[in-house]
Amino acid sequence: MFNAATHSDVDSKATATELFDALADRRRRRILDAVERADDRIPVEVLAKALTGGDANSDEREIQISLVHAHLPKLDDAGLVAYDADEHTVSPTVRTEDALSLVDAAWKVPQ
């Protein structure tokens, strides 16, 4: 398994509000899951394809744009992924798995 990337934001704790804001969006939770499952850094193009789930009606280019301009910077700011805008890659951080555990725990709360 890939070793989690270090990231300057990981050292400074994101506030609970920033963390929950980053996790509030379904697509961002799916991004975390895909990044955590990757063996290495994942190119944004590959991530976009994974998020379409093979849906021929999904526009991969549109998804890439939303990843680059909205979702990945927000997750990066919260320290949940390491997004390298120059290399167009994403990798997990030490907080990725913890965030997914938090999401899992939320699903177990009785409605």
PDB file of N, CA and C in Angstrom:
ATOM      1  N   MET A   1       0.840  -1.183   0.000  1.00  0.00           N
ATOM      2  CA  MET A   1       0.000   0.000   0.000  1.00  0.00           C
ATOM      3  C   MET A   1       0.879   1.238   0.000  1.00  0.00           C
ATOM      4  N   PHE A   2       0.428   2.271  -0.596  1.00  0.00           N
ATOM      5  CA  PHE A   2       1.154   3.530  -0.711  1.00  0.00           C
ATOM      6  C   PHE A   2       1.265   4.203   0.649  1.00  0.00           C
ATOM      7  N   ASN A   3       2.434   4.729   0.964  1.00  0.00           N
ATOM      8  CA  ASN A   3       2.608   5.497   2.197  1.00  0.00           C
ATOM      9  C   ASN A   3       1.980   6.865   2.018  1.00  0.00           C
ATOM     10  N   ALA A   4       1.250   7.310   3.025  1.00  0.00           N
ATOM     11  CA  ALA A   4       0.562   8.598   2.961  1.00  0.00           C
ATOM     12  C   ALA A   4       1.566   9.729   2.755  1.00  0.00           C
ATOM     13  N   ALA A   5       1.189  10.648   1.907  1.00  0.00           N
ATOM     14  CA  ALA A   5       2.051  11.790   1.622  1.00  0.00           C
ATOM     15  C   ALA A   5       2.047  12.748   2.800  1.00  0.00           C
ATOM     16  N   THR A   6       3.132  13.436   2.954  1.00  0.00           N
ATOM     17  CA  THR A   6       3.151  14.491   3.952  1.00  0.00           C
ATOM     18  C   THR A   6       2.647  15.757   3.290  1.00  0.00           C
ATOM     19  N   HIS A   7       2.067  16.619   4.058  1.00  0.00           N
ATOM     20  CA  HIS A   7       1.482  17.833   3.525  1.00  0.00           C
ATOM     21  C   HIS A   7       1.521  18.874   4.622  1.00  0.00           C
ATOM     22  N   SER A   8       1.849  20.085   4.277  1.00  0.00           N
ATOM     23  CA  SER A   8       1.996  21.117   5.303  1.00  0.00           C
ATOM     24  C   SER A   8       0.713  21.343   6.079  1.00  0.00           C
ATOM     25  N   ASP A   9      -0.459  21.170   5.418  1.00  0.00           N
ATOM     26  CA  ASP A   9      -1.723  21.369   6.120  1.00  0.00           C
ATOM     27  C   ASP A   9      -2.026  20.257   7.106  1.00  0.00           C
ATOM     28  N   VAL A  10      -1.392  19.105   6.950  1.00  0.00           N
ATOM     29  CA  VAL A  10      -1.637  18.004   7.880  1.00  0.00           C
ATOM     30  C   VAL A  10      -1.115  18.375   9.259  1.00  0.00           C
ATOM     31  N   ASP A  11       0.001  19.103   9.297  1.00  0.00           N
ATOM     32  CA  ASP A  11       0.586  19.492  10.569  1.00  0.00           C
ATOM     33  C   ASP A  11      -0.306  20.459  11.334  1.00  0.00           C
ATOM     34  N   SER A  12      -0.976  21.347  10.634  1.00  0.00           N
ATOM     35  CA  SER A  12      -1.895  22.256  11.297  1.00  0.00           C
ATOM     36  C   SER A  12      -3.294  21.675  11.163  1.00  0.00           C
ATOM     37  N   LYS A  13      -3.903  21.428  12.293  1.00  0.00           N
ATOM     38  CA  LYS A  13      -5.215  20.782  12.310  1.00  0.00           C
ATOM     39  C   LYS A  13      -6.267  21.671  11.662  1.00  0.00           C
ATOM     40  N   ALA A  14      -7.054  21.084  10.766  1.00  0.00           N
ATOM     41  CA  ALA A  14      -8.195  21.794  10.213  1.00  0.00           C
ATOM     42  C   ALA A  14      -9.247  21.863  11.313  1.00  0.00           C
ATOM     43  N   THR A  15      -9.981  22.929  11.329  1.00  0.00           N
ATOM     44  CA  THR A  15     -11.037  23.028  12.328  1.00  0.00           C
ATOM     45  C   THR A  15     -12.107  21.990  12.029  1.00  0.00           C
ATOM     46  N   ALA A  16     -12.916  21.696  13.021  1.00  0.00           N
ATOM     47  CA  ALA A  16     -14.011  20.736  12.824  1.00  0.00           C
ATOM     48  C   ALA A  16     -14.936  21.222  11.716  1.00  0.00           C
ATOM     49  N   THR A  17     -15.170  22.518  11.662  1.00  0.00           N
ATOM     50  CA  THR A  17     -16.041  23.071  10.624  1.00  0.00           C
ATOM     51  C   THR A  17     -15.454  22.834   9.237  1.00  0.00           C
ATOM     52  N   GLU A  18     -14.146  23.066   9.077  1.00  0.00           N
ATOM     53  CA  GLU A  18     -13.490  22.835   7.784  1.00  0.00           C
ATOM     54  C   GLU A  18     -13.545  21.357   7.408  1.00  0.00           C
ATOM     55  N   LEU A  19     -13.323  20.496   8.386  1.00  0.00           N
ATOM     56  CA  LEU A  19     -13.350  19.057   8.141  1.00  0.00           C
ATOM     57  C   LEU A  19     -14.733  18.611   7.682  1.00  0.00           C
ATOM     58  N   PHE A  20     -15.767  19.007   8.440  1.00  0.00           N
ATOM     59  CA  PHE A  20     -17.120  18.586   8.079  1.00  0.00           C
ATOM     60  C   PHE A  20     -17.586  19.237   6.780  1.00  0.00           C
ATOM     61  N   ASP A  21     -17.143  20.454   6.530  1.00  0.00           N
ATOM     62  CA  ASP A  21     -17.471  21.109   5.266  1.00  0.00           C
ATOM     63  C   ASP A  21     -16.862  20.335   4.099  1.00  0.00           C
ATOM     64  N   ALA A  22     -15.625  19.897   4.255  1.00  0.00           N
ATOM     65  CA  ALA A  22     -14.959  19.133   3.195  1.00  0.00           C
ATOM     66  C   ALA A  22     -15.648  17.789   2.971  1.00  0.00           C
ATOM     67  N   LEU A  23     -16.149  17.187   4.041  1.00  0.00           N
ATOM     68  CA  LEU A  23     -16.789  15.872   3.939  1.00  0.00           C
ATOM     69  C   LEU A  23     -18.273  15.936   3.588  1.00  0.00           C
ATOM     70  N   ALA A  24     -18.856  17.127   3.588  1.00  0.00           N
ATOM     71  CA  ALA A  24     -20.290  17.268   3.363  1.00  0.00           C
ATOM     72  C   ALA A  24     -20.715  16.897   1.944  1.00  0.00           C
ATOM     73  N   ASP A  25     -19.819  17.070   1.000  1.00  0.00           N
ATOM     74  CA  ASP A  25     -20.148  16.823  -0.401  1.00  0.00           C
ATOM     75  C   ASP A  25     -19.918  15.353  -0.763  1.00  0.00           C
ATOM     76  N   ARG A  26     -20.916  14.740  -1.365  1.00  0.00           N
ATOM     77  CA  ARG A  26     -20.831  13.321  -1.740  1.00  0.00           C
ATOM     78  C   ARG A  26     -19.663  13.043  -2.676  1.00  0.00           C
ATOM     79  N   ARG A  27     -19.423  13.918  -3.643  1.00  0.00           N
ATOM     80  CA  ARG A  27     -18.319  13.702  -4.576  1.00  0.00           C
ATOM     81  C   ARG A  27     -16.978  13.716  -3.839  1.00  0.00           C
ATOM     82  N   ARG A  28     -16.811  14.611  -2.864  1.00  0.00           N
ATOM     83  CA  ARG A  28     -15.557  14.654  -2.126  1.00  0.00           C
ATOM     84  C   ARG A  28     -15.351  13.384  -1.302  1.00  0.00           C
ATOM     85  N   ARG A  29     -16.426  12.825  -0.769  1.00  0.00           N
ATOM     86  CA  ARG A  29     -16.291  11.556  -0.043  1.00  0.00           C
ATOM     87  C   ARG A  29     -15.879  10.441  -1.001  1.00  0.00           C
ATOM     88  N   ARG A  30     -16.404  10.458  -2.217  1.00  0.00           N
ATOM     89  CA  ARG A  30     -16.019   9.470  -3.225  1.00  0.00           C
ATOM     90  C   ARG A  30     -14.566   9.657  -3.651  1.00  0.00           C
ATOM     91  N   ILE A  31     -14.127  10.910  -3.719  1.00  0.00           N
ATOM     92  CA  ILE A  31     -12.722  11.203  -4.041  1.00  0.00           C
ATOM     93  C   ILE A  31     -11.818  10.593  -2.987  1.00  0.00           C
ATOM     94  N   LEU A  32     -12.141  10.820  -1.715  1.00  0.00           N
ATOM     95  CA  LEU A  32     -11.323  10.264  -0.632  1.00  0.00           C
ATOM     96  C   LEU A  32     -11.230   8.753  -0.740  1.00  0.00           C
ATOM     97  N   ASP A  33     -12.344   8.118  -1.019  1.00  0.00           N
ATOM     98  CA  ASP A  33     -12.364   6.663  -1.131  1.00  0.00           C
ATOM     99  C   ASP A  33     -11.462   6.204  -2.279  1.00  0.00           C
ATOM    100  N   ALA A  34     -11.569   6.854  -3.426  1.00  0.00           N
ATOM    101  CA  ALA A  34     -10.752   6.475  -4.589  1.00  0.00           C
ATOM    102  C   ALA A  34      -9.271   6.719  -4.330  1.00  0.00           C
ATOM    103  N   VAL A  35      -8.947   7.833  -3.694  1.00  0.00           N
ATOM    104  CA  VAL A  35      -7.549   8.160  -3.417  1.00  0.00           C
ATOM    105  C   VAL A  35      -6.959   7.176  -2.412  1.00  0.00           C
ATOM    106  N   GLU A  36      -7.742   6.827  -1.407  1.00  0.00           N
ATOM    107  CA  GLU A  36      -7.259   5.905  -0.380  1.00  0.00           C
ATOM    108  C   GLU A  36      -7.020   4.510  -0.957  1.00  0.00           C
ATOM    109  N   ARG A  37      -7.812   4.119  -1.943  1.00  0.00           N
ATOM    110  CA  ARG A  37      -7.676   2.794  -2.563  1.00  0.00           C
ATOM    111  C   ARG A  37      -6.523   2.718  -3.569  1.00  0.00           C
ATOM    112  N   ALA A  38      -6.061   3.853  -4.046  1.00  0.00           N
ATOM    113  CA  ALA A  38      -4.999   3.874  -5.049  1.00  0.00           C
ATOM    114  C   ALA A  38      -3.685   3.388  -4.439  1.00  0.00           C
ATOM    115  N   ASP A  39      -2.898   2.723  -5.245  1.00  0.00           N
ATOM    116  CA  ASP A  39      -1.604   2.220  -4.788  1.00  0.00           C
ATOM    117  C   ASP A  39      -0.540   3.307  -4.759  1.00  0.00           C
ATOM    118  N   ASP A  40      -0.783   4.385  -5.441  1.00  0.00           N
ATOM    119  CA  ASP A  40       0.211   5.440  -5.586  1.00  0.00           C
ATOM    120  C   ASP A  40      -0.537   6.737  -5.837  1.00  0.00           C
ATOM    121  N   ARG A  41       0.200   7.764  -6.222  1.00  0.00           N
ATOM    122  CA  ARG A  41      -0.457   9.006  -6.620  1.00  0.00           C
ATOM    123  C   ARG A  41      -1.395   8.685  -7.775  1.00  0.00           C
ATOM    124  N   ILE A  42      -2.531   9.323  -7.769  1.00  0.00           N
ATOM    125  CA  ILE A  42      -3.505   9.072  -8.827  1.00  0.00           C
ATOM    126  C   ILE A  42      -3.625  10.333  -9.689  1.00  0.00           C
ATOM    127  N   PRO A  43      -3.456  10.190 -10.990  1.00  0.00           N
ATOM    128  CA  PRO A  43      -3.622  11.349 -11.870  1.00  0.00           C
ATOM    129  C   PRO A  43      -5.076  11.836 -11.841  1.00  0.00           C
ATOM    130  N   VAL A  44      -5.262  13.126 -11.960  1.00  0.00           N
ATOM    131  CA  VAL A  44      -6.606  13.703 -11.933  1.00  0.00           C
ATOM    132  C   VAL A  44      -7.482  13.081 -13.014  1.00  0.00           C
ATOM    133  N   GLU A  45      -6.911  12.810 -14.190  1.00  0.00           N
ATOM    134  CA  GLU A  45      -7.687  12.225 -15.286  1.00  0.00           C
ATOM    135  C   GLU A  45      -8.224  10.838 -14.900  1.00  0.00           C
ATOM    136  N   VAL A  46      -7.387  10.051 -14.234  1.00  0.00           N
ATOM    137  CA  VAL A  46      -7.792   8.709 -13.808  1.00  0.00           C
ATOM    138  C   VAL A  46      -8.855   8.812 -12.716  1.00  0.00           C
ATOM    139  N   LEU A  47      -8.685   9.761 -11.821  1.00  0.00           N
ATOM    140  CA  LEU A  47      -9.667   9.975 -10.761  1.00  0.00           C
ATOM    141  C   LEU A  47     -11.016  10.364 -11.353  1.00  0.00           C
ATOM    142  N   ALA A  48     -11.009  11.254 -12.334  1.00  0.00           N
ATOM    143  CA  ALA A  48     -12.260  11.670 -12.988  1.00  0.00           C
ATOM    144  C   ALA A  48     -12.953  10.480 -13.627  1.00  0.00           C
ATOM    145  N   LYS A  49     -12.180   9.623 -14.278  1.00  0.00           N
ATOM    146  CA  LYS A  49     -12.751   8.433 -14.915  1.00  0.00           C
ATOM    147  C   LYS A  49     -13.356   7.502 -13.861  1.00  0.00           C
ATOM    148  N   ALA A  50     -12.667   7.345 -12.733  1.00  0.00           N
ATOM    149  CA  ALA A  50     -13.174   6.499 -11.649  1.00  0.00           C
ATOM    150  C   ALA A  50     -14.474   7.057 -11.082  1.00  0.00           C
ATOM    151  N   LEU A  51     -14.588   8.364 -11.030  1.00  0.00           N
ATOM    152  CA  LEU A  51     -15.795   8.976 -10.467  1.00  0.00           C
ATOM    153  C   LEU A  51     -16.999   8.872 -11.391  1.00  0.00           C
ATOM    154  N   THR A  52     -16.764   8.676 -12.688  1.00  0.00           N
ATOM    155  CA  THR A  52     -17.896   8.500 -13.603  1.00  0.00           C
ATOM    156  C   THR A  52     -18.529   7.133 -13.414  1.00  0.00           C
ATOM    157  N   GLY A  53     -17.761   6.199 -12.866  1.00  0.00           N
ATOM    158  CA  GLY A  53     -18.290   4.860 -12.634  1.00  0.00           C
ATOM    159  C   GLY A  53     -18.692   4.158 -13.917  1.00  0.00           C
ATOM    160  N   GLY A  54     -18.061   4.525 -15.017  1.00  0.00           N
ATOM    161  CA  GLY A  54     -18.383   3.895 -16.291  1.00  0.00           C
ATOM    162  C   GLY A  54     -19.651   4.429 -16.928  1.00  0.00           C
ATOM    163  N   ASP A  55     -20.214   5.489 -16.350  1.00  0.00           N
ATOM    164  CA  ASP A  55     -21.430   6.086 -16.886  1.00  0.00           C
ATOM    165  C   ASP A  55     -21.099   6.842 -18.166  1.00  0.00           C
ATOM    166  N   ALA A  56     -21.614   6.340 -19.283  1.00  0.00           N
ATOM    167  CA  ALA A  56     -21.329   6.949 -20.581  1.00  0.00           C
ATOM    168  C   ALA A  56     -21.900   8.363 -20.675  1.00  0.00           C
ATOM    169  N   ASN A  57     -22.900   8.685 -19.854  1.00  0.00           N
ATOM    170  CA  ASN A  57     -23.509  10.014 -19.896  1.00  0.00           C
ATOM    171  C   ASN A  57     -22.728  11.050 -19.089  1.00  0.00           C
ATOM    172  N   SER A  58     -21.762  10.595 -18.306  1.00  0.00           N
ATOM    173  CA  SER A  58     -20.962  11.527 -17.511  1.00  0.00           C
ATOM    174  C   SER A  58     -19.900  12.184 -18.377  1.00  0.00           C
ATOM    175  N   ASP A  59     -19.681  13.449 -18.137  1.00  0.00           N
ATOM    176  CA  ASP A  59     -18.679  14.207 -18.875  1.00  0.00           C
ATOM    177  C   ASP A  59     -17.399  14.250 -18.050  1.00  0.00           C
ATOM    178  N   GLU A  60     -16.419  13.427 -18.412  1.00  0.00           N
ATOM    179  CA  GLU A  60     -15.161  13.350 -17.662  1.00  0.00           C
ATOM    180  C   GLU A  60     -14.452  14.694 -17.613  1.00  0.00           C
ATOM    181  N   ARG A  61     -14.501  15.449 -18.692  1.00  0.00           N
ATOM    182  CA  ARG A  61     -13.836  16.763 -18.724  1.00  0.00           C
ATOM    183  C   ARG A  61     -14.476  17.704 -17.706  1.00  0.00           C
ATOM    184  N   GLU A  62     -15.795  17.682 -17.636  1.00  0.00           N
ATOM    185  CA  GLU A  62     -16.512  18.522 -16.666  1.00  0.00           C
ATOM    186  C   GLU A  62     -16.151  18.109 -15.232  1.00  0.00           C
ATOM    187  N   ILE A  63     -16.026  16.812 -15.009  1.00  0.00           N
ATOM    188  CA  ILE A  63     -15.642  16.318 -13.688  1.00  0.00           C
ATOM    189  C   ILE A  63     -14.213  16.750 -13.364  1.00  0.00           C
ATOM    190  N   GLN A  64     -13.304  16.655 -14.326  1.00  0.00           N
ATOM    191  CA  GLN A  64     -11.920  17.106 -14.106  1.00  0.00           C
ATOM    192  C   GLN A  64     -11.880  18.578 -13.709  1.00  0.00           C
ATOM    193  N   ILE A  65     -12.676  19.387 -14.382  1.00  0.00           N
ATOM    194  CA  ILE A  65     -12.700  20.817 -14.076  1.00  0.00           C
ATOM    195  C   ILE A  65     -13.200  21.050 -12.650  1.00  0.00           C
ATOM    196  N   SER A  66     -14.255  20.338 -12.251  1.00  0.00           N
ATOM    197  CA  SER A  66     -14.765  20.516 -10.884  1.00  0.00           C
ATOM    198  C   SER A  66     -13.762  20.001  -9.852  1.00  0.00           C
ATOM    199  N   LEU A  67     -13.022  18.954 -10.206  1.00  0.00           N
ATOM    200  CA  LEU A  67     -11.992  18.445  -9.292  1.00  0.00           C
ATOM    201  C   LEU A  67     -10.905  19.493  -9.083  1.00  0.00           C
ATOM    202  N   VAL A  68     -10.386  20.016 -10.182  1.00  0.00           N
ATOM    203  CA  VAL A  68      -9.249  20.937 -10.139  1.00  0.00           C
ATOM    204  C   VAL A  68      -9.616  22.281  -9.506  1.00  0.00           C
ATOM    205  N   HIS A  69     -10.811  22.769  -9.768  1.00  0.00           N
ATOM    206  CA  HIS A  69     -11.173  24.109  -9.313  1.00  0.00           C
ATOM    207  C   HIS A  69     -11.947  24.145  -8.003  1.00  0.00           C
ATOM    208  N   ALA A  70     -12.495  23.035  -7.576  1.00  0.00           N
ATOM    209  CA  ALA A  70     -13.312  23.062  -6.357  1.00  0.00           C
ATOM    210  C   ALA A  70     -12.933  21.976  -5.355  1.00  0.00           C
ATOM    211  N   HIS A  71     -13.135  20.735  -5.733  1.00  0.00           N
ATOM    212  CA  HIS A  71     -13.051  19.637  -4.773  1.00  0.00           C
ATOM    213  C   HIS A  71     -11.641  19.357  -4.258  1.00  0.00           C
ATOM    214  N   LEU A  72     -10.670  19.238  -5.147  1.00  0.00           N
ATOM    215  CA  LEU A  72      -9.314  18.906  -4.693  1.00  0.00           C
ATOM    216  C   LEU A  72      -8.677  20.016  -3.863  1.00  0.00           C
ATOM    217  N   PRO A  73      -8.837  21.292  -4.238  1.00  0.00           N
ATOM    218  CA  PRO A  73      -8.290  22.337  -3.357  1.00  0.00           C
ATOM    219  C   PRO A  73      -8.926  22.332  -1.964  1.00  0.00           C
ATOM    220  N   LYS A  74     -10.229  22.090  -1.885  1.00  0.00           N
ATOM    221  CA  LYS A  74     -10.903  22.066  -0.587  1.00  0.00           C
ATOM    222  C   LYS A  74     -10.400  20.903   0.257  1.00  0.00           C
ATOM    223  N   LEU A  75     -10.270  19.725  -0.348  1.00  0.00           N
ATOM    224  CA  LEU A  75      -9.750  18.566   0.391  1.00  0.00           C
ATOM    225  C   LEU A  75      -8.293  18.774   0.777  1.00  0.00           C
ATOM    226  N   ASP A  76      -7.521  19.390  -0.100  1.00  0.00           N
ATOM    227  CA  ASP A  76      -6.120  19.682   0.182  1.00  0.00           C
ATOM    228  C   ASP A  76      -6.009  20.681   1.346  1.00  0.00           C
ATOM    229  N   ASP A  77      -6.829  21.723   1.325  1.00  0.00           N
ATOM    230  CA  ASP A  77      -6.805  22.722   2.397  1.00  0.00           C
ATOM    231  C   ASP A  77      -7.144  22.105   3.752  1.00  0.00           C
ATOM    232  N   ALA A  78      -8.012  21.103   3.748  1.00  0.00           N
ATOM    233  CA  ALA A  78      -8.389  20.425   4.988  1.00  0.00           C
ATOM    234  C   ALA A  78      -7.359  19.372   5.396  1.00  0.00           C
ATOM    235  N   GLY A  79      -6.352  19.157   4.539  1.00  0.00           N
ATOM    236  CA  GLY A  79      -5.309  18.175   4.846  1.00  0.00           C
ATOM    237  C   GLY A  79      -5.743  16.742   4.612  1.00  0.00           C
ATOM    238  N   LEU A  80      -6.832  16.544   3.862  1.00  0.00           N
ATOM    239  CA  LEU A  80      -7.364  15.202   3.652  1.00  0.00           C
ATOM    240  C   LEU A  80      -6.768  14.503   2.441  1.00  0.00           C
ATOM    241  N   VAL A  81      -6.211  15.264   1.512  1.00  0.00           N
ATOM    242  CA  VAL A  81      -5.445  14.721   0.382  1.00  0.00           C
ATOM    243  C   VAL A  81      -4.292  15.670   0.128  1.00  0.00           C
ATOM    244  N   ALA A  82      -3.318  15.190  -0.613  1.00  0.00           N
ATOM    245  CA  ALA A  82      -2.236  16.049  -1.101  1.00  0.00           C
ATOM    246  C   ALA A  82      -2.449  16.192  -2.602  1.00  0.00           C
ATOM    247  N   TYR A  83      -2.858  17.381  -3.009  1.00  0.00           N
ATOM    248  CA  TYR A  83      -3.108  17.655  -4.415  1.00  0.00           C
ATOM    249  C   TYR A  83      -1.939  18.440  -4.973  1.00  0.00           C
ATOM    250  N   ASP A  84      -1.297  17.887  -5.994  1.00  0.00           N
ATOM    251  CA  ASP A  84      -0.186  18.545  -6.666  1.00  0.00           C
ATOM    252  C   ASP A  84      -0.715  19.123  -7.980  1.00  0.00           C
ATOM    253  N   ALA A  85      -1.013  20.415  -7.958  1.00  0.00           N
ATOM    254  CA  ALA A  85      -1.593  21.073  -9.132  1.00  0.00           C
ATOM    255  C   ALA A  85      -0.629  21.086 -10.311  1.00  0.00           C
ATOM    256  N   ASP A  86       0.682  21.141 -10.036  1.00  0.00           N
ATOM    257  CA  ASP A  86       1.662  21.142 -11.125  1.00  0.00           C
ATOM    258  C   ASP A  86       1.738  19.796 -11.824  1.00  0.00           C
ATOM    259  N   GLU A  87       1.682  18.732 -11.057  1.00  0.00           N
ATOM    260  CA  GLU A  87       1.770  17.374 -11.612  1.00  0.00           C
ATOM    261  C   GLU A  87       0.393  16.789 -11.951  1.00  0.00           C
ATOM    262  N   HIS A  88      -0.671  17.456 -11.525  1.00  0.00           N
ATOM    263  CA  HIS A  88      -2.047  16.992 -11.734  1.00  0.00           C
ATOM    264  C   HIS A  88      -2.263  15.603 -11.123  1.00  0.00           C
ATOM    265  N   THR A  89      -1.770  15.452  -9.879  1.00  0.00           N
ATOM    266  CA  THR A  89      -1.924  14.185  -9.169  1.00  0.00           C
ATOM    267  C   THR A  89      -2.472  14.432  -7.765  1.00  0.00           C
ATOM    268  N   VAL A  90      -3.032  13.379  -7.215  1.00  0.00           N
ATOM    269  CA  VAL A  90      -3.591  13.417  -5.866  1.00  0.00           C
ATOM    270  C   VAL A  90      -3.079  12.189  -5.135  1.00  0.00           C
ATOM    271  N   SER A  91      -2.755  12.359  -3.857  1.00  0.00           N
ATOM    272  CA  SER A  91      -2.336  11.220  -3.049  1.00  0.00           C
ATOM    273  C   SER A  91      -2.923  11.362  -1.647  1.00  0.00           C
ATOM    274  N   PRO A  92      -3.013  10.242  -0.945  1.00  0.00           N
ATOM    275  CA  PRO A  92      -3.563  10.296   0.407  1.00  0.00           C
ATOM    276  C   PRO A  92      -2.594  10.969   1.373  1.00  0.00           C
ATOM    277  N   THR A  93      -3.137  11.437   2.466  1.00  0.00           N
ATOM    278  CA  THR A  93      -2.326  11.973   3.560  1.00  0.00           C
ATOM    279  C   THR A  93      -2.579  11.077   4.777  1.00  0.00           C
ATOM    280  N   VAL A  94      -1.951  11.407   5.869  1.00  0.00           N
ATOM    281  CA  VAL A  94      -2.169  10.634   7.087  1.00  0.00           C
ATOM    282  C   VAL A  94      -3.594  10.786   7.599  1.00  0.00           C
ATOM    283  N   ARG A  95      -4.311  11.795   7.119  1.00  0.00           N
ATOM    284  CA  ARG A  95      -5.687  12.030   7.569  1.00  0.00           C
ATOM    285  C   ARG A  95      -6.751  11.405   6.666  1.00  0.00           C
ATOM    286  N   THR A  96      -6.386  10.897   5.505  1.00  0.00           N
ATOM    287  CA  THR A  96      -7.366  10.355   4.561  1.00  0.00           C
ATOM    288  C   THR A  96      -8.158   9.210   5.177  1.00  0.00           C
ATOM    289  N   GLU A  97      -7.456   8.230   5.708  1.00  0.00           N
ATOM    290  CA  GLU A  97      -8.128   7.065   6.286  1.00  0.00           C
ATOM    291  C   GLU A  97      -8.975   7.460   7.490  1.00  0.00           C
ATOM    292  N   ASP A  98      -8.485   8.377   8.310  1.00  0.00           N
ATOM    293  CA  ASP A  98      -9.254   8.841   9.468  1.00  0.00           C
ATOM    294  C   ASP A  98     -10.558   9.505   9.034  1.00  0.00           C
ATOM    295  N   ALA A  99     -10.503  10.302   7.981  1.00  0.00           N
ATOM    296  CA  ALA A  99     -11.704  10.965   7.479  1.00  0.00           C
ATOM    297  C   ALA A  99     -12.716   9.940   6.980  1.00  0.00           C
ATOM    298  N   LEU A 100     -12.237   8.908   6.289  1.00  0.00           N
ATOM    299  CA  LEU A 100     -13.138   7.861   5.814  1.00  0.00           C
ATOM    300  C   LEU A 100     -13.744   7.088   6.982  1.00  0.00           C
ATOM    301  N   SER A 101     -12.980   6.895   8.043  1.00  0.00           N
ATOM    302  CA  SER A 101     -13.510   6.237   9.244  1.00  0.00           C
ATOM    303  C   SER A 101     -14.618   7.081   9.865  1.00  0.00           C
ATOM    304  N   LEU A 102     -14.441   8.382   9.856  1.00  0.00           N
ATOM    305  CA  LEU A 102     -15.462   9.291  10.374  1.00  0.00           C
ATOM    306  C   LEU A 102     -16.742   9.187   9.544  1.00  0.00           C
ATOM    307  N   VAL A 103     -16.594   9.135   8.236  1.00  0.00           N
ATOM    308  CA  VAL A 103     -17.753   8.992   7.348  1.00  0.00           C
ATOM    309  C   VAL A 103     -18.441   7.654   7.617  1.00  0.00           C
ATOM    310  N   ASP A 104     -17.651   6.593   7.750  1.00  0.00           N
ATOM    311  CA  ASP A 104     -18.213   5.270   8.074  1.00  0.00           C
ATOM    312  C   ASP A 104     -19.008   5.308   9.367  1.00  0.00           C
ATOM    313  N   ALA A 105     -18.447   5.939  10.387  1.00  0.00           N
ATOM    314  CA  ALA A 105     -19.115   6.032  11.689  1.00  0.00           C
ATOM    315  C   ALA A 105     -20.431   6.793  11.568  1.00  0.00           C
ATOM    316  N   ALA A 106     -20.456   7.803  10.736  1.00  0.00           N
ATOM    317  CA  ALA A 106     -21.686   8.586  10.547  1.00  0.00           C
ATOM    318  C   ALA A 106     -22.807   7.732   9.963  1.00  0.00           C
ATOM    319  N   TRP A 107     -22.453   6.799   9.081  1.00  0.00           N
ATOM    320  CA  TRP A 107     -23.465   5.934   8.480  1.00  0.00           C
ATOM    321  C   TRP A 107     -24.041   4.956   9.502  1.00  0.00           C
ATOM    322  N   LYS A 108     -23.307   4.698  10.579  1.00  0.00           N
ATOM    323  CA  LYS A 108     -23.769   3.746  11.592  1.00  0.00           C
ATOM    324  C   LYS A 108     -24.664   4.380  12.659  1.00  0.00           C
ATOM    325  N   VAL A 109     -24.759   5.705  12.641  1.00  0.00           N
ATOM    326  CA  VAL A 109     -25.617   6.394  13.609  1.00  0.00           C
ATOM    327  C   VAL A 109     -27.061   6.127  13.253  1.00  0.00           C
ATOM    328  N   PRO A 110     -27.865   5.677  14.221  1.00  0.00           N
ATOM    329  CA  PRO A 110     -29.291   5.417  13.930  1.00  0.00           C
ATOM    330  C   PRO A 110     -29.998   6.679  13.456  1.00  0.00           C
ATOM    331  N   GLN A 111     -30.841   6.519  12.487  1.00  0.00           N
ATOM    332  CA  GLN A 111     -31.586   7.668  11.928  1.00  0.00           C
ATOM    333  C   GLN A 111     -32.768   8.011  12.781  1.00  0.00           C
TER     334      GLN A 111
END
